[in-house]
Amino acid sequence: MQWFEYRSRKVLKLRYKAAIFGLFVFSILIFGKSILTLMAARLDVADAETPCEVMVVQGGPSLAEYVVMQAIKVYEKGLARHIIFVLHAYDLKPTIFGVSHYERFVATALDSLGIPRQDYSIMLVRLSDPYTYNTAKALADSLTDIKSLLVFSDNFHIRRSYLVYKKIFNAKGVEVRAWSMPIYLRADNWWRYANGWRRVVDEYIKLTFYRIKGYI
């Protein structure tokens, strides 16, 4: 009798798990696209509608042409009077693909696009991980005479950047707004690309880490 009751409970438990798993698969099939779209959409932030004094464009050791051109479009809309291009330089003397003094190369390229020299600057920042947080801190120590700042990044990275800058700069009385540039990965297609999964999953991990550490 005890053996029969044990087997009955075991069968019911297996059926219960199978039913839950089936419901999960069914939900993914029916609502999967909506859920995946929402996951990526939650990483974006509404674009600013009013001008800021300074726009911050975060690069890595180098700046992609597409990023620069998209930032210039925002500048030409009149949403920022000055652009700061941030380069991460471990030794503050970066050499990119054999180009010494890379910052001079960037400046020459910007000058050729007709951007007045007084309307942009290039900042070399020596920093370590977490890069976004440390970049914001470095800029907060340098930008002491502004009242508004526009954070510029792609539509998957913008929420974390915006929240970090907002927390650091709001404490200094600076209003922070955001602008996300479009890329080939969007909320409605990111799951079709391996890079999309890397970006979205990575951002949620970093958002969780930043939240735990109190950076946002």
N, C-alpha and C. Protein backbone atom coordinates (compact mmCIF):
# COMPACT_ATOMS: atom_id res chain seq x y z
N MET A 1 0.83 -1.20 0.00
CA MET A 1 0.00 0.00 0.00
C MET A 1 0.87 1.26 0.00
N GLN A 2 1.89 1.26 0.87
CA GLN A 2 2.79 2.40 0.92
C GLN A 2 3.53 2.57 -0.41
N TRP A 3 3.94 1.43 -0.98
CA TRP A 3 4.66 1.48 -2.27
C TRP A 3 3.75 2.07 -3.34
N PHE A 4 2.47 1.69 -3.35
CA PHE A 4 1.50 2.18 -4.34
C PHE A 4 1.29 3.69 -4.17
N GLU A 5 1.20 4.14 -2.90
CA GLU A 5 1.02 5.57 -2.65
C GLU A 5 2.25 6.35 -3.10
N TYR A 6 3.45 5.80 -2.84
CA TYR A 6 4.70 6.45 -3.24
C TYR A 6 4.77 6.58 -4.76
N ARG A 7 4.42 5.48 -5.45
CA ARG A 7 4.46 5.50 -6.92
C ARG A 7 3.43 6.49 -7.47
N SER A 8 2.29 6.57 -6.83
CA SER A 8 1.24 7.48 -7.28
C SER A 8 1.71 8.93 -7.15
N ARG A 9 2.35 9.23 -5.99
CA ARG A 9 2.85 10.60 -5.78
C ARG A 9 3.93 10.92 -6.80
N LYS A 10 4.80 9.93 -7.08
CA LYS A 10 5.89 10.15 -8.03
C LYS A 10 5.36 10.42 -9.42
N VAL A 11 4.35 9.64 -9.83
CA VAL A 11 3.76 9.84 -11.16
C VAL A 11 3.10 11.21 -11.24
N LEU A 12 2.35 11.57 -10.19
CA LEU A 12 1.70 12.87 -10.18
C LEU A 12 2.71 14.00 -10.23
N LYS A 13 3.85 13.82 -9.51
CA LYS A 13 4.89 14.84 -9.49
C LYS A 13 5.50 15.01 -10.88
N LEU A 14 5.74 13.88 -11.57
CA LEU A 14 6.30 13.94 -12.92
C LEU A 14 5.31 14.59 -13.88
N ARG A 15 4.04 14.25 -13.74
CA ARG A 15 3.02 14.84 -14.60
C ARG A 15 2.90 16.34 -14.34
N TYR A 16 3.03 16.71 -13.07
CA TYR A 16 2.96 18.13 -12.71
C TYR A 16 4.12 18.90 -13.36
N LYS A 17 5.32 18.34 -13.29
CA LYS A 17 6.49 18.98 -13.90
C LYS A 17 6.33 19.06 -15.42
N ALA A 18 5.83 17.98 -16.00
CA ALA A 18 5.63 17.95 -17.45
C ALA A 18 4.61 19.00 -17.86
N ALA A 19 3.55 19.16 -17.05
CA ALA A 19 2.52 20.15 -17.36
C ALA A 19 3.09 21.57 -17.28
N ILE A 20 3.91 21.84 -16.26
CA ILE A 20 4.54 23.16 -16.11
C ILE A 20 5.46 23.44 -17.28
N PHE A 21 6.25 22.43 -17.65
CA PHE A 21 7.17 22.60 -18.77
C PHE A 21 6.39 22.84 -20.07
N GLY A 22 5.31 22.08 -20.26
CA GLY A 22 4.49 22.25 -21.44
C GLY A 22 3.88 23.64 -21.50
N LEU A 23 3.43 24.14 -20.34
CA LEU A 23 2.86 25.48 -20.27
C LEU A 23 3.91 26.54 -20.61
N PHE A 24 5.14 26.30 -20.13
CA PHE A 24 6.24 27.23 -20.41
C PHE A 24 6.53 27.28 -21.91
N VAL A 25 6.64 26.10 -22.53
CA VAL A 25 6.91 26.04 -23.97
C VAL A 25 5.77 26.70 -24.75
N PHE A 26 4.54 26.42 -24.34
CA PHE A 26 3.37 27.00 -24.99
C PHE A 26 3.41 28.53 -24.90
N SER A 27 3.77 29.05 -23.72
CA SER A 27 3.85 30.50 -23.52
C SER A 27 4.90 31.13 -24.41
N ILE A 28 6.05 30.45 -24.53
CA ILE A 28 7.12 30.96 -25.39
C ILE A 28 6.67 31.01 -26.84
N LEU A 29 5.98 29.93 -27.26
CA LEU A 29 5.52 29.87 -28.65
C LEU A 29 4.48 30.94 -28.94
N ILE A 30 3.61 31.20 -27.97
CA ILE A 30 2.52 32.16 -28.18
C ILE A 30 2.97 33.59 -27.90
N PHE A 31 3.67 33.75 -26.77
CA PHE A 31 4.03 35.11 -26.34
C PHE A 31 5.53 35.40 -26.45
N GLY A 32 6.30 34.45 -26.97
CA GLY A 32 7.75 34.58 -26.99
C GLY A 32 8.24 35.86 -27.64
N LYS A 33 7.71 36.17 -28.81
CA LYS A 33 8.17 37.36 -29.53
C LYS A 33 7.88 38.62 -28.74
N SER A 34 6.72 38.66 -28.13
CA SER A 34 6.35 39.84 -27.33
C SER A 34 7.27 39.99 -26.13
N ILE A 35 7.58 38.86 -25.49
CA ILE A 35 8.46 38.89 -24.32
C ILE A 35 9.86 39.33 -24.72
N LEU A 36 10.39 38.76 -25.81
CA LEU A 36 11.73 39.11 -26.26
C LEU A 36 11.81 40.56 -26.70
N THR A 37 10.77 41.03 -27.35
CA THR A 37 10.73 42.43 -27.77
C THR A 37 10.72 43.35 -26.56
N LEU A 38 9.94 43.00 -25.56
CA LEU A 38 9.86 43.81 -24.35
C LEU A 38 11.19 43.84 -23.62
N MET A 39 11.89 42.70 -23.59
CA MET A 39 13.19 42.64 -22.92
C MET A 39 14.15 43.68 -23.47
N ALA A 40 14.23 43.78 -24.80
CA ALA A 40 15.14 44.73 -25.42
C ALA A 40 14.61 46.15 -25.30
N ALA A 41 13.30 46.32 -25.45
CA ALA A 41 12.72 47.66 -25.37
C ALA A 41 12.97 48.28 -24.00
N ARG A 42 13.02 47.46 -22.98
CA ARG A 42 13.26 47.95 -21.62
C ARG A 42 14.67 48.51 -21.44
N LEU A 43 15.56 48.20 -22.36
CA LEU A 43 16.93 48.71 -22.26
C LEU A 43 17.06 50.10 -22.86
N ASP A 44 16.07 50.53 -23.63
CA ASP A 44 16.12 51.84 -24.28
C ASP A 44 15.57 52.91 -23.35
N VAL A 45 15.84 54.16 -23.71
CA VAL A 45 15.36 55.32 -22.95
C VAL A 45 14.82 56.34 -23.95
N ALA A 46 13.80 57.06 -23.57
CA ALA A 46 13.22 58.08 -24.46
C ALA A 46 14.25 59.15 -24.78
N ASP A 47 14.31 59.54 -26.05
CA ASP A 47 15.26 60.56 -26.47
C ASP A 47 14.90 61.93 -25.91
N ALA A 48 15.93 62.73 -25.67
CA ALA A 48 15.74 64.08 -25.15
C ALA A 48 15.01 64.95 -26.17
N GLU A 49 14.22 65.88 -25.68
CA GLU A 49 13.49 66.79 -26.55
C GLU A 49 13.97 68.23 -26.41
N THR A 50 14.75 68.49 -25.37
CA THR A 50 15.26 69.85 -25.14
C THR A 50 16.79 69.83 -25.18
N PRO A 51 17.41 70.92 -25.61
CA PRO A 51 18.87 70.98 -25.77
C PRO A 51 19.62 70.86 -24.44
N CYS A 52 20.83 70.34 -24.54
CA CYS A 52 21.74 70.27 -23.39
C CYS A 52 23.02 71.04 -23.72
N GLU A 53 23.75 71.38 -22.70
CA GLU A 53 25.00 72.11 -22.93
C GLU A 53 26.06 71.19 -23.53
N VAL A 54 26.13 69.96 -23.01
CA VAL A 54 27.20 69.04 -23.41
C VAL A 54 26.62 67.67 -23.74
N MET A 55 27.15 67.06 -24.79
CA MET A 55 26.81 65.67 -25.10
C MET A 55 28.05 64.81 -24.93
N VAL A 56 27.91 63.70 -24.23
CA VAL A 56 29.02 62.77 -24.01
C VAL A 56 28.86 61.56 -24.92
N VAL A 57 29.88 61.32 -25.73
CA VAL A 57 29.90 60.17 -26.63
C VAL A 57 31.00 59.24 -26.15
N GLN A 58 30.61 58.09 -25.61
CA GLN A 58 31.59 57.15 -25.07
C GLN A 58 32.12 56.25 -26.17
N GLY A 59 33.43 56.27 -26.36
CA GLY A 59 34.07 55.34 -27.27
C GLY A 59 34.82 54.30 -26.47
N GLY A 60 35.54 53.47 -27.16
CA GLY A 60 36.43 52.53 -26.50
C GLY A 60 37.84 53.05 -26.73
N PRO A 61 38.78 52.19 -27.08
CA PRO A 61 40.10 52.68 -27.46
C PRO A 61 40.05 53.45 -28.77
N SER A 62 38.93 53.31 -29.52
CA SER A 62 38.75 54.02 -30.78
C SER A 62 37.29 54.39 -30.95
N LEU A 63 37.01 55.21 -31.97
CA LEU A 63 35.64 55.63 -32.25
C LEU A 63 35.24 55.15 -33.64
N ALA A 64 34.10 54.51 -33.74
CA ALA A 64 33.61 54.06 -35.03
C ALA A 64 33.05 55.25 -35.81
N GLU A 65 33.25 55.24 -37.11
CA GLU A 65 32.75 56.34 -37.96
C GLU A 65 31.25 56.50 -37.82
N TYR A 66 30.52 55.38 -37.76
CA TYR A 66 29.07 55.44 -37.66
C TYR A 66 28.64 56.16 -36.38
N VAL A 67 29.32 55.87 -35.27
CA VAL A 67 29.00 56.50 -33.99
C VAL A 67 29.22 58.00 -34.09
N VAL A 68 30.34 58.41 -34.66
CA VAL A 68 30.65 59.83 -34.80
C VAL A 68 29.60 60.54 -35.65
N MET A 69 29.24 59.94 -36.77
CA MET A 69 28.27 60.55 -37.67
C MET A 69 26.89 60.68 -37.03
N GLN A 70 26.49 59.66 -36.26
CA GLN A 70 25.20 59.73 -35.57
C GLN A 70 25.22 60.80 -34.49
N ALA A 71 26.35 60.95 -33.80
CA ALA A 71 26.47 61.98 -32.77
C ALA A 71 26.41 63.37 -33.40
N ILE A 72 27.03 63.53 -34.56
CA ILE A 72 27.01 64.82 -35.24
C ILE A 72 25.59 65.18 -35.67
N LYS A 73 24.79 64.19 -36.05
CA LYS A 73 23.40 64.46 -36.41
C LYS A 73 22.64 65.04 -35.22
N VAL A 74 22.91 64.52 -34.03
CA VAL A 74 22.26 65.05 -32.83
C VAL A 74 22.71 66.48 -32.57
N TYR A 75 24.01 66.72 -32.75
CA TYR A 75 24.57 68.07 -32.59
C TYR A 75 23.92 69.03 -33.59
N GLU A 76 23.75 68.59 -34.82
CA GLU A 76 23.17 69.44 -35.85
C GLU A 76 21.68 69.70 -35.62
N LYS A 77 21.03 68.83 -34.86
CA LYS A 77 19.63 69.07 -34.47
C LYS A 77 19.52 70.18 -33.44
N GLY A 78 20.66 70.58 -32.88
CA GLY A 78 20.67 71.62 -31.86
C GLY A 78 20.43 71.10 -30.46
N LEU A 79 20.57 69.80 -30.27
CA LEU A 79 20.31 69.21 -28.95
C LEU A 79 21.53 69.24 -28.03
N ALA A 80 22.68 69.68 -28.55
CA ALA A 80 23.88 69.81 -27.72
C ALA A 80 24.76 70.87 -28.34
N ARG A 81 25.29 71.75 -27.50
CA ARG A 81 26.16 72.80 -28.01
C ARG A 81 27.61 72.34 -28.11
N HIS A 82 27.96 71.34 -27.33
CA HIS A 82 29.35 70.88 -27.30
C HIS A 82 29.36 69.35 -27.19
N ILE A 83 30.27 68.71 -27.93
CA ILE A 83 30.38 67.25 -27.89
C ILE A 83 31.70 66.87 -27.24
N ILE A 84 31.64 65.95 -26.30
CA ILE A 84 32.86 65.39 -25.72
C ILE A 84 32.97 63.93 -26.17
N PHE A 85 34.00 63.65 -26.95
CA PHE A 85 34.28 62.28 -27.36
C PHE A 85 35.26 61.67 -26.36
N VAL A 86 34.83 60.60 -25.71
CA VAL A 86 35.66 59.97 -24.68
C VAL A 86 36.37 58.75 -25.26
N LEU A 87 37.68 58.72 -25.12
CA LEU A 87 38.48 57.57 -25.54
C LEU A 87 39.08 56.92 -24.30
N HIS A 88 38.97 55.61 -24.22
CA HIS A 88 39.58 54.87 -23.12
C HIS A 88 41.03 54.57 -23.48
N ALA A 89 41.93 55.15 -22.76
CA ALA A 89 43.36 54.97 -23.05
C ALA A 89 44.07 54.51 -21.79
N TYR A 90 44.64 53.33 -21.85
CA TYR A 90 45.29 52.78 -20.67
C TYR A 90 46.59 53.52 -20.33
N ASP A 91 47.29 54.01 -21.36
CA ASP A 91 48.52 54.73 -21.10
C ASP A 91 48.43 56.21 -21.48
N LEU A 92 47.22 56.66 -21.88
CA LEU A 92 46.96 58.03 -22.30
C LEU A 92 47.74 58.43 -23.54
N LYS A 93 48.36 57.47 -24.20
CA LYS A 93 49.04 57.71 -25.47
C LYS A 93 48.66 56.59 -26.44
N PRO A 94 47.38 56.52 -26.79
CA PRO A 94 46.91 55.37 -27.56
C PRO A 94 47.45 55.32 -28.98
N THR A 95 47.73 54.12 -29.42
CA THR A 95 48.10 53.87 -30.81
C THR A 95 47.12 52.85 -31.35
N ILE A 96 46.28 53.26 -32.29
CA ILE A 96 45.25 52.40 -32.83
C ILE A 96 45.62 52.01 -34.25
N PHE A 97 45.77 50.71 -34.48
CA PHE A 97 46.12 50.22 -35.81
C PHE A 97 47.34 50.95 -36.39
N GLY A 98 48.31 51.20 -35.53
CA GLY A 98 49.54 51.83 -35.99
C GLY A 98 49.46 53.34 -36.10
N VAL A 99 48.32 53.95 -35.72
CA VAL A 99 48.18 55.40 -35.80
C VAL A 99 48.55 56.01 -34.45
N SER A 100 49.70 56.66 -34.40
CA SER A 100 50.12 57.30 -33.15
C SER A 100 49.28 58.55 -32.90
N HIS A 101 49.10 58.89 -31.62
CA HIS A 101 48.32 60.06 -31.23
C HIS A 101 46.94 60.03 -31.91
N TYR A 102 46.23 58.97 -31.64
CA TYR A 102 44.94 58.73 -32.28
C TYR A 102 43.98 59.89 -32.10
N GLU A 103 44.07 60.57 -30.96
CA GLU A 103 43.17 61.67 -30.70
C GLU A 103 43.34 62.79 -31.73
N ARG A 104 44.58 62.98 -32.22
CA ARG A 104 44.81 64.00 -33.26
C ARG A 104 44.15 63.57 -34.57
N PHE A 105 44.19 62.29 -34.83
CA PHE A 105 43.55 61.75 -36.03
C PHE A 105 42.05 62.00 -35.97
N VAL A 106 41.44 61.78 -34.81
CA VAL A 106 40.00 62.02 -34.63
C VAL A 106 39.69 63.50 -34.81
N ALA A 107 40.53 64.36 -34.23
CA ALA A 107 40.31 65.81 -34.34
C ALA A 107 40.37 66.26 -35.80
N THR A 108 41.32 65.73 -36.54
CA THR A 108 41.44 66.08 -37.96
C THR A 108 40.19 65.66 -38.73
N ALA A 109 39.68 64.46 -38.41
CA ALA A 109 38.47 63.97 -39.08
C ALA A 109 37.27 64.84 -38.74
N LEU A 110 37.15 65.26 -37.50
CA LEU A 110 36.04 66.11 -37.10
C LEU A 110 36.13 67.49 -37.75
N ASP A 111 37.34 68.02 -37.82
CA ASP A 111 37.53 69.32 -38.48
C ASP A 111 37.10 69.25 -39.94
N SER A 112 37.38 68.11 -40.58
CA SER A 112 37.02 67.96 -42.00
C SER A 112 35.52 67.90 -42.21
N LEU A 113 34.77 67.61 -41.15
CA LEU A 113 33.31 67.53 -41.24
C LEU A 113 32.65 68.87 -40.97
N GLY A 114 33.47 69.87 -40.71
CA GLY A 114 32.94 71.21 -40.53
C GLY A 114 32.47 71.53 -39.13
N ILE A 115 32.87 70.72 -38.15
CA ILE A 115 32.49 70.99 -36.75
C ILE A 115 33.45 72.04 -36.20
N PRO A 116 32.97 73.19 -35.75
CA PRO A 116 33.85 74.21 -35.19
C PRO A 116 34.68 73.64 -34.03
N ARG A 117 35.94 73.99 -34.00
CA ARG A 117 36.84 73.42 -33.00
C ARG A 117 36.38 73.67 -31.58
N GLN A 118 35.72 74.80 -31.34
CA GLN A 118 35.27 75.11 -29.99
C GLN A 118 34.04 74.32 -29.58
N ASP A 119 33.46 73.59 -30.55
CA ASP A 119 32.23 72.85 -30.27
C ASP A 119 32.46 71.38 -29.95
N TYR A 120 33.69 70.95 -29.90
CA TYR A 120 33.96 69.57 -29.50
C TYR A 120 35.28 69.47 -28.78
N SER A 121 35.42 68.41 -28.02
CA SER A 121 36.68 68.10 -27.34
C SER A 121 36.84 66.60 -27.27
N ILE A 122 38.07 66.17 -27.14
CA ILE A 122 38.39 64.74 -27.06
C ILE A 122 39.06 64.50 -25.73
N MET A 123 38.49 63.61 -24.95
CA MET A 123 39.02 63.35 -23.62
C MET A 123 39.60 61.94 -23.55
N LEU A 124 40.86 61.85 -23.18
CA LEU A 124 41.49 60.55 -22.95
C LEU A 124 41.36 60.22 -21.47
N VAL A 125 40.79 59.08 -21.18
CA VAL A 125 40.55 58.70 -19.79
C VAL A 125 41.24 57.38 -19.48
N ARG A 126 42.11 57.40 -18.54
CA ARG A 126 42.71 56.14 -18.06
C ARG A 126 41.76 55.57 -17.02
N LEU A 127 41.25 54.39 -17.27
CA LEU A 127 40.29 53.82 -16.33
C LEU A 127 40.33 52.30 -16.37
N SER A 128 39.60 51.72 -15.46
CA SER A 128 39.50 50.27 -15.35
C SER A 128 38.03 49.91 -15.25
N ASP A 129 37.74 48.64 -15.28
CA ASP A 129 36.39 48.14 -15.17
C ASP A 129 35.82 48.47 -13.78
N PRO A 130 34.56 48.91 -13.64
CA PRO A 130 33.52 49.07 -14.65
C PRO A 130 33.68 50.39 -15.42
N TYR A 131 33.79 50.30 -16.74
CA TYR A 131 34.15 51.43 -17.58
C TYR A 131 33.12 52.55 -17.57
N THR A 132 31.85 52.21 -17.71
CA THR A 132 30.83 53.25 -17.77
C THR A 132 30.78 54.06 -16.49
N TYR A 133 30.83 53.38 -15.37
CA TYR A 133 30.79 54.06 -14.08
C TYR A 133 32.03 54.93 -13.88
N ASN A 134 33.19 54.38 -14.16
CA ASN A 134 34.43 55.13 -13.96
C ASN A 134 34.56 56.30 -14.93
N THR A 135 34.03 56.14 -16.15
CA THR A 135 34.04 57.25 -17.10
C THR A 135 33.17 58.39 -16.59
N ALA A 136 31.98 58.05 -16.10
CA ALA A 136 31.08 59.08 -15.58
C ALA A 136 31.70 59.81 -14.40
N LYS A 137 32.38 59.09 -13.53
CA LYS A 137 33.03 59.71 -12.38
C LYS A 137 34.14 60.65 -12.83
N ALA A 138 34.94 60.21 -13.81
CA ALA A 138 36.03 61.04 -14.31
C ALA A 138 35.49 62.33 -14.93
N LEU A 139 34.41 62.21 -15.68
CA LEU A 139 33.82 63.39 -16.30
C LEU A 139 33.20 64.33 -15.27
N ALA A 140 32.60 63.74 -14.25
CA ALA A 140 31.98 64.56 -13.21
C ALA A 140 33.01 65.42 -12.48
N ASP A 141 34.22 64.91 -12.38
CA ASP A 141 35.30 65.67 -11.73
C ASP A 141 35.82 66.78 -12.64
N SER A 142 35.60 66.62 -13.96
CA SER A 142 36.12 67.60 -14.92
C SER A 142 35.08 68.64 -15.32
N LEU A 143 33.83 68.23 -15.47
CA LEU A 143 32.77 69.14 -15.91
C LEU A 143 32.10 69.78 -14.70
N THR A 144 32.64 70.89 -14.30
CA THR A 144 32.16 71.53 -13.07
C THR A 144 31.32 72.78 -13.32
N ASP A 145 31.16 73.16 -14.58
CA ASP A 145 30.46 74.42 -14.87
C ASP A 145 29.31 74.23 -15.85
N ILE A 146 28.65 73.08 -15.81
CA ILE A 146 27.51 72.83 -16.70
C ILE A 146 26.26 72.55 -15.87
N LYS A 147 25.12 72.72 -16.52
CA LYS A 147 23.84 72.46 -15.86
C LYS A 147 23.04 71.35 -16.51
N SER A 148 23.45 70.93 -17.73
CA SER A 148 22.72 69.87 -18.41
C SER A 148 23.67 69.04 -19.26
N LEU A 149 23.40 67.75 -19.34
CA LEU A 149 24.28 66.83 -20.05
C LEU A 149 23.45 65.80 -20.80
N LEU A 150 23.86 65.50 -22.02
CA LEU A 150 23.18 64.51 -22.85
C LEU A 150 24.07 63.29 -23.00
N VAL A 151 23.57 62.13 -22.58
CA VAL A 151 24.32 60.88 -22.72
C VAL A 151 23.94 60.24 -24.04
N PHE A 152 24.94 59.89 -24.83
CA PHE A 152 24.72 59.34 -26.16
C PHE A 152 25.29 57.92 -26.22
N SER A 153 24.46 56.97 -26.63
CA SER A 153 24.93 55.59 -26.76
C SER A 153 23.94 54.82 -27.63
N ASP A 154 24.24 53.53 -27.88
CA ASP A 154 23.32 52.74 -28.70
C ASP A 154 22.11 52.32 -27.87
N ASN A 155 21.08 51.83 -28.56
CA ASN A 155 19.80 51.56 -27.91
C ASN A 155 19.81 50.37 -26.94
N PHE A 156 20.91 49.63 -26.85
CA PHE A 156 20.99 48.54 -25.88
C PHE A 156 21.81 48.94 -24.65
N HIS A 157 22.69 49.90 -24.83
CA HIS A 157 23.59 50.31 -23.75
C HIS A 157 23.09 51.57 -23.05
N ILE A 158 22.12 52.26 -23.65
CA ILE A 158 21.77 53.59 -23.17
C ILE A 158 21.17 53.62 -21.77
N ARG A 159 20.35 52.64 -21.41
CA ARG A 159 19.70 52.70 -20.09
C ARG A 159 20.73 52.68 -18.96
N ARG A 160 21.70 51.77 -19.04
CA ARG A 160 22.71 51.70 -17.97
C ARG A 160 23.54 52.98 -17.94
N SER A 161 23.94 53.47 -19.11
CA SER A 161 24.72 54.72 -19.17
C SER A 161 23.93 55.87 -18.58
N TYR A 162 22.67 55.97 -19.00
CA TYR A 162 21.82 57.07 -18.52
C TYR A 162 21.64 57.03 -17.00
N LEU A 163 21.37 55.85 -16.46
CA LEU A 163 21.15 55.73 -15.02
C LEU A 163 22.41 56.04 -14.23
N VAL A 164 23.57 55.62 -14.75
CA VAL A 164 24.84 55.90 -14.07
C VAL A 164 25.12 57.40 -14.07
N TYR A 165 25.04 58.02 -15.24
CA TYR A 165 25.31 59.46 -15.34
C TYR A 165 24.31 60.27 -14.53
N LYS A 166 23.06 59.83 -14.57
CA LYS A 166 22.02 60.56 -13.83
C LYS A 166 22.32 60.56 -12.33
N LYS A 167 22.70 59.41 -11.80
CA LYS A 167 22.97 59.35 -10.36
C LYS A 167 24.18 60.21 -9.99
N ILE A 168 25.24 60.14 -10.77
CA ILE A 168 26.46 60.87 -10.44
C ILE A 168 26.30 62.37 -10.67
N PHE A 169 25.72 62.75 -11.80
CA PHE A 169 25.64 64.18 -12.13
C PHE A 169 24.48 64.88 -11.43
N ASN A 170 23.38 64.18 -11.16
CA ASN A 170 22.29 64.81 -10.41
C ASN A 170 22.76 65.26 -9.03
N ALA A 171 23.68 64.50 -8.46
CA ALA A 171 24.23 64.86 -7.14
C ALA A 171 25.02 66.17 -7.21
N LYS A 172 25.43 66.56 -8.42
CA LYS A 172 26.16 67.81 -8.61
C LYS A 172 25.28 68.91 -9.20
N GLY A 173 23.98 68.65 -9.23
CA GLY A 173 23.04 69.64 -9.73
C GLY A 173 22.98 69.73 -11.24
N VAL A 174 23.39 68.68 -11.94
CA VAL A 174 23.38 68.66 -13.40
C VAL A 174 22.24 67.77 -13.88
N GLU A 175 21.39 68.30 -14.75
CA GLU A 175 20.29 67.52 -15.31
C GLU A 175 20.83 66.63 -16.43
N VAL A 176 20.44 65.36 -16.42
CA VAL A 176 20.93 64.40 -17.41
C VAL A 176 19.78 63.92 -18.28
N ARG A 177 20.02 63.94 -19.60
CA ARG A 177 19.06 63.41 -20.55
C ARG A 177 19.77 62.37 -21.41
N ALA A 178 19.02 61.70 -22.28
CA ALA A 178 19.60 60.60 -23.06
C ALA A 178 19.25 60.71 -24.53
N TRP A 179 20.11 60.09 -25.34
CA TRP A 179 19.81 59.94 -26.77
C TRP A 179 20.40 58.61 -27.23
N SER A 180 19.56 57.75 -27.79
CA SER A 180 20.04 56.44 -28.24
C SER A 180 20.11 56.41 -29.76
N MET A 181 21.27 55.98 -30.26
CA MET A 181 21.42 55.90 -31.72
C MET A 181 20.95 54.52 -32.18
N PRO A 182 20.33 54.46 -33.36
CA PRO A 182 19.85 53.18 -33.89
C PRO A 182 21.00 52.35 -34.44
N ILE A 183 20.92 51.05 -34.28
CA ILE A 183 21.88 50.13 -34.89
C ILE A 183 21.07 49.02 -35.56
N TYR A 184 21.76 48.09 -36.21
CA TYR A 184 21.04 47.04 -36.94
C TYR A 184 20.27 46.12 -36.01
N LEU A 185 20.65 46.07 -34.75
CA LEU A 185 19.91 45.29 -33.76
C LEU A 185 18.83 46.17 -33.15
N ARG A 186 17.60 45.67 -33.19
CA ARG A 186 16.48 46.42 -32.65
C ARG A 186 15.68 45.52 -31.71
N ALA A 187 14.72 46.11 -31.04
CA ALA A 187 13.90 45.34 -30.10
C ALA A 187 13.13 44.24 -30.80
N ASP A 188 12.83 44.42 -32.11
CA ASP A 188 12.00 43.44 -32.81
C ASP A 188 12.80 42.42 -33.63
N ASN A 189 14.15 42.44 -33.50
CA ASN A 189 14.91 41.45 -34.27
C ASN A 189 16.17 40.93 -33.59
N TRP A 190 16.48 41.41 -32.39
CA TRP A 190 17.77 41.11 -31.78
C TRP A 190 18.01 39.62 -31.56
N TRP A 191 16.97 38.84 -31.31
CA TRP A 191 17.13 37.42 -31.00
C TRP A 191 17.52 36.59 -32.22
N ARG A 192 17.51 37.18 -33.39
CA ARG A 192 17.92 36.47 -34.59
C ARG A 192 19.44 36.47 -34.78
N TYR A 193 20.15 37.21 -33.95
CA TYR A 193 21.60 37.36 -34.11
C TYR A 193 22.32 36.94 -32.82
N ALA A 194 23.44 36.27 -32.99
CA ALA A 194 24.24 35.89 -31.82
C ALA A 194 24.69 37.13 -31.06
N ASN A 195 25.05 38.18 -31.79
CA ASN A 195 25.48 39.42 -31.14
C ASN A 195 24.33 40.06 -30.36
N GLY A 196 23.10 39.84 -30.82
CA GLY A 196 21.95 40.35 -30.10
C GLY A 196 21.80 39.69 -28.74
N TRP A 197 21.93 38.36 -28.71
CA TRP A 197 21.86 37.65 -27.44
C TRP A 197 22.98 38.09 -26.51
N ARG A 198 24.18 38.26 -27.07
CA ARG A 198 25.32 38.69 -26.24
C ARG A 198 25.04 40.06 -25.64
N ARG A 199 24.54 40.98 -26.45
CA ARG A 199 24.30 42.33 -25.97
C ARG A 199 23.19 42.39 -24.91
N VAL A 200 22.08 41.76 -25.19
CA VAL A 200 20.94 41.86 -24.28
C VAL A 200 21.21 41.15 -22.96
N VAL A 201 21.69 39.92 -23.03
CA VAL A 201 21.99 39.17 -21.81
C VAL A 201 23.07 39.87 -21.01
N ASP A 202 24.10 40.35 -21.70
CA ASP A 202 25.21 41.05 -21.04
C ASP A 202 24.71 42.31 -20.34
N GLU A 203 23.81 43.04 -20.98
CA GLU A 203 23.30 44.27 -20.38
C GLU A 203 22.48 43.98 -19.12
N TYR A 204 21.68 42.94 -19.14
CA TYR A 204 20.89 42.62 -17.95
C TYR A 204 21.79 42.17 -16.80
N ILE A 205 22.85 41.46 -17.12
CA ILE A 205 23.81 41.06 -16.09
C ILE A 205 24.49 42.29 -15.50
N LYS A 206 24.91 43.21 -16.37
CA LYS A 206 25.59 44.42 -15.90
C LYS A 206 24.65 45.33 -15.14
N LEU A 207 23.40 45.43 -15.59
CA LEU A 207 22.42 46.23 -14.85
C LEU A 207 22.22 45.68 -13.45
N THR A 208 22.16 44.36 -13.33
CA THR A 208 22.02 43.74 -12.01
C THR A 208 23.24 44.03 -11.15
N PHE A 209 24.43 43.90 -11.73
CA PHE A 209 25.67 44.18 -11.01
C PHE A 209 25.73 45.64 -10.56
N TYR A 210 25.39 46.56 -11.47
CA TYR A 210 25.43 47.98 -11.14
C TYR A 210 24.42 48.30 -10.04
N ARG A 211 23.25 47.64 -10.10
CA ARG A 211 22.23 47.88 -9.07
C ARG A 211 22.73 47.38 -7.70
N ILE A 212 23.33 46.22 -7.68
CA ILE A 212 23.84 45.66 -6.42
C ILE A 212 24.94 46.53 -5.83
N LYS A 213 25.82 47.04 -6.70
CA LYS A 213 26.93 47.88 -6.25
C LYS A 213 26.52 49.30 -5.92
N GLY A 214 25.30 49.65 -6.26
CA GLY A 214 24.82 51.01 -5.97
C GLY A 214 25.28 52.04 -6.96
N TYR A 215 25.66 51.63 -8.16
CA TYR A 215 26.11 52.57 -9.19
C TYR A 215 24.94 53.27 -9.88
N ILE A 216 23.75 52.65 -9.80
CA ILE A 216 22.57 53.24 -10.43
C ILE A 216 21.42 53.26 -9.43
